[in-house]
Amino acid sequence: MTVSLPLVLVLGLIAWGTVRFLGVRVWIVVVIALFGFLLSRTVLAPLIDSGTRSGVDVINGTHD
């Protein structure tokens, strides 16, 4: 069975869990999210994207 969840929902659940169970303050979660959006508009975005994809490939065992 395949379950398809939107990334926003998954990240929202992770953020809720960190605030609820780890005691992380909400403003820290907001700052990290905003920093991620700002970082995606820089010249580092392709490097981060390729690094993330390579990491996922290694974990999934599909790397060349």
N, C-alpha and C. Protein backbone atom coordinates (compact mmCIF):
# COMPACT_ATOMS: atom_id res chain seq x y z
N MET A 1 0.84 -1.17 0.00
CA MET A 1 0.00 0.00 0.00
C MET A 1 0.89 1.24 0.00
N THR A 2 0.58 2.16 -0.86
CA THR A 2 1.33 3.40 -0.96
C THR A 2 0.49 4.54 -0.39
N VAL A 3 1.10 5.32 0.49
CA VAL A 3 0.44 6.48 1.07
C VAL A 3 1.16 7.71 0.58
N SER A 4 0.41 8.66 0.08
CA SER A 4 1.00 9.90 -0.43
C SER A 4 0.57 11.06 0.46
N LEU A 5 1.54 11.69 1.12
CA LEU A 5 1.27 12.83 1.98
C LEU A 5 1.98 14.06 1.44
N PRO A 6 1.35 15.20 1.50
CA PRO A 6 2.04 16.42 1.09
C PRO A 6 3.18 16.74 2.05
N LEU A 7 4.26 17.28 1.50
CA LEU A 7 5.44 17.61 2.31
C LEU A 7 5.09 18.62 3.39
N VAL A 8 4.20 19.55 3.09
CA VAL A 8 3.82 20.57 4.07
C VAL A 8 3.16 19.91 5.29
N LEU A 9 2.35 18.90 5.06
CA LEU A 9 1.71 18.21 6.17
C LEU A 9 2.74 17.48 7.04
N VAL A 10 3.67 16.82 6.41
CA VAL A 10 4.72 16.11 7.15
C VAL A 10 5.56 17.08 7.97
N LEU A 11 5.98 18.17 7.34
CA LEU A 11 6.79 19.17 8.06
C LEU A 11 5.99 19.83 9.18
N GLY A 12 4.72 20.05 8.94
CA GLY A 12 3.86 20.62 9.98
C GLY A 12 3.74 19.70 11.18
N LEU A 13 3.60 18.40 10.93
CA LEU A 13 3.54 17.44 12.03
C LEU A 13 4.85 17.37 12.80
N ILE A 14 5.96 17.44 12.09
CA ILE A 14 7.26 17.45 12.76
C ILE A 14 7.42 18.71 13.61
N ALA A 15 7.01 19.85 13.06
CA ALA A 15 7.09 21.11 13.82
C ALA A 15 6.20 21.06 15.05
N TRP A 16 4.98 20.55 14.88
CA TRP A 16 4.07 20.43 16.03
C TRP A 16 4.66 19.52 17.10
N GLY A 17 5.25 18.42 16.68
CA GLY A 17 5.85 17.49 17.63
C GLY A 17 7.02 18.09 18.38
N THR A 18 7.84 18.86 17.69
CA THR A 18 8.98 19.48 18.39
C THR A 18 8.52 20.54 19.37
N VAL A 19 7.50 21.29 19.01
CA VAL A 19 6.98 22.30 19.94
C VAL A 19 6.30 21.62 21.13
N ARG A 20 5.52 20.61 20.86
CA ARG A 20 4.72 19.96 21.90
C ARG A 20 5.57 19.10 22.83
N PHE A 21 6.44 18.28 22.28
CA PHE A 21 7.12 17.27 23.11
C PHE A 21 8.56 17.64 23.47
N LEU A 22 9.22 18.44 22.66
CA LEU A 22 10.60 18.80 22.96
C LEU A 22 10.73 20.17 23.59
N GLY A 23 9.64 20.92 23.61
CA GLY A 23 9.66 22.23 24.25
C GLY A 23 10.33 23.32 23.43
N VAL A 24 10.46 23.11 22.13
CA VAL A 24 11.04 24.14 21.27
C VAL A 24 10.02 25.27 21.14
N ARG A 25 10.49 26.47 21.19
CA ARG A 25 9.58 27.61 21.10
C ARG A 25 9.09 27.80 19.66
N VAL A 26 7.87 28.30 19.54
CA VAL A 26 7.24 28.46 18.23
C VAL A 26 8.02 29.43 17.36
N TRP A 27 8.57 30.49 17.96
CA TRP A 27 9.28 31.48 17.15
C TRP A 27 10.53 30.88 16.52
N ILE A 28 11.14 29.89 17.17
CA ILE A 28 12.31 29.24 16.58
C ILE A 28 11.91 28.43 15.35
N VAL A 29 10.77 27.75 15.43
CA VAL A 29 10.27 26.99 14.28
C VAL A 29 9.98 27.94 13.12
N VAL A 30 9.38 29.08 13.41
CA VAL A 30 9.06 30.07 12.36
C VAL A 30 10.34 30.62 11.73
N VAL A 31 11.34 30.93 12.54
CA VAL A 31 12.61 31.45 12.02
C VAL A 31 13.30 30.42 11.13
N ILE A 32 13.30 29.16 11.54
CA ILE A 32 13.92 28.11 10.73
C ILE A 32 13.19 27.96 9.40
N ALA A 33 11.86 28.01 9.42
CA ALA A 33 11.08 27.89 8.18
C ALA A 33 11.36 29.07 7.26
N LEU A 34 11.38 30.27 7.80
CA LEU A 34 11.67 31.45 6.98
C LEU A 34 13.08 31.40 6.41
N PHE A 35 14.04 30.95 7.21
CA PHE A 35 15.41 30.83 6.73
C PHE A 35 15.49 29.83 5.58
N GLY A 36 14.72 28.75 5.66
CA GLY A 36 14.70 27.77 4.59
C GLY A 36 14.15 28.35 3.30
N PHE A 37 13.08 29.14 3.40
CA PHE A 37 12.52 29.79 2.21
C PHE A 37 13.50 30.79 1.61
N LEU A 38 14.16 31.55 2.47
CA LEU A 38 15.14 32.52 1.97
C LEU A 38 16.35 31.82 1.36
N LEU A 39 16.78 30.74 1.96
CA LEU A 39 17.93 29.99 1.45
C LEU A 39 17.64 29.36 0.09
N SER A 40 16.39 29.02 -0.15
CA SER A 40 16.03 28.40 -1.42
C SER A 40 16.12 29.38 -2.59
N ARG A 41 16.22 30.66 -2.31
CA ARG A 41 16.32 31.66 -3.37
C ARG A 41 17.76 32.13 -3.61
N THR A 42 18.73 31.46 -3.01
CA THR A 42 20.13 31.85 -3.16
C THR A 42 20.83 30.94 -4.16
N VAL A 43 22.11 31.22 -4.39
CA VAL A 43 22.91 30.41 -5.30
C VAL A 43 23.24 29.05 -4.70
N LEU A 44 22.99 28.87 -3.41
CA LEU A 44 23.26 27.59 -2.75
C LEU A 44 22.16 26.56 -2.97
N ALA A 45 21.02 26.99 -3.50
CA ALA A 45 19.87 26.09 -3.67
C ALA A 45 20.21 24.85 -4.52
N PRO A 46 20.87 24.99 -5.69
CA PRO A 46 21.19 23.77 -6.46
C PRO A 46 22.12 22.83 -5.72
N LEU A 47 23.06 23.37 -4.96
CA LEU A 47 23.98 22.54 -4.19
C LEU A 47 23.23 21.77 -3.09
N ILE A 48 22.34 22.46 -2.41
CA ILE A 48 21.54 21.81 -1.36
C ILE A 48 20.64 20.74 -1.97
N ASP A 49 20.05 21.04 -3.12
CA ASP A 49 19.16 20.09 -3.79
C ASP A 49 19.92 18.82 -4.20
N SER A 50 21.07 19.00 -4.83
CA SER A 50 21.83 17.82 -5.26
C SER A 50 22.36 17.03 -4.06
N GLY A 51 22.76 17.72 -3.01
CA GLY A 51 23.22 17.03 -1.81
C GLY A 51 22.12 16.25 -1.13
N THR A 52 20.94 16.83 -1.10
CA THR A 52 19.79 16.14 -0.50
C THR A 52 19.41 14.92 -1.32
N ARG A 53 19.39 15.08 -2.65
CA ARG A 53 19.04 13.95 -3.51
C ARG A 53 20.08 12.83 -3.40
N SER A 54 21.35 13.20 -3.30
CA SER A 54 22.40 12.19 -3.14
C SER A 54 22.25 11.45 -1.82
N GLY A 55 21.94 12.19 -0.77
CA GLY A 55 21.74 11.57 0.54
C GLY A 55 20.56 10.61 0.55
N VAL A 56 19.47 11.00 -0.10
CA VAL A 56 18.30 10.13 -0.18
C VAL A 56 18.63 8.88 -0.99
N ASP A 57 19.39 9.05 -2.08
CA ASP A 57 19.79 7.89 -2.88
C ASP A 57 20.65 6.92 -2.09
N VAL A 58 21.56 7.44 -1.28
CA VAL A 58 22.42 6.58 -0.47
C VAL A 58 21.59 5.82 0.55
N ILE A 59 20.66 6.52 1.20
CA ILE A 59 19.82 5.86 2.21
C ILE A 59 18.91 4.81 1.57
N ASN A 60 18.37 5.13 0.39
CA ASN A 60 17.49 4.18 -0.30
C ASN A 60 18.27 3.07 -0.99
N GLY A 61 19.58 3.22 -1.12
CA GLY A 61 20.38 2.21 -1.77
C GLY A 61 20.28 2.24 -3.28
N THR A 62 19.95 3.40 -3.85
CA THR A 62 19.79 3.50 -5.31
C THR A 62 20.88 4.31 -5.96
N HIS A 63 21.96 4.58 -5.23
CA HIS A 63 23.04 5.39 -5.81
C HIS A 63 23.85 4.55 -6.80
N ASP A 64 24.53 5.24 -7.71
CA ASP A 64 25.30 4.56 -8.76
C ASP A 64 26.65 4.12 -8.27
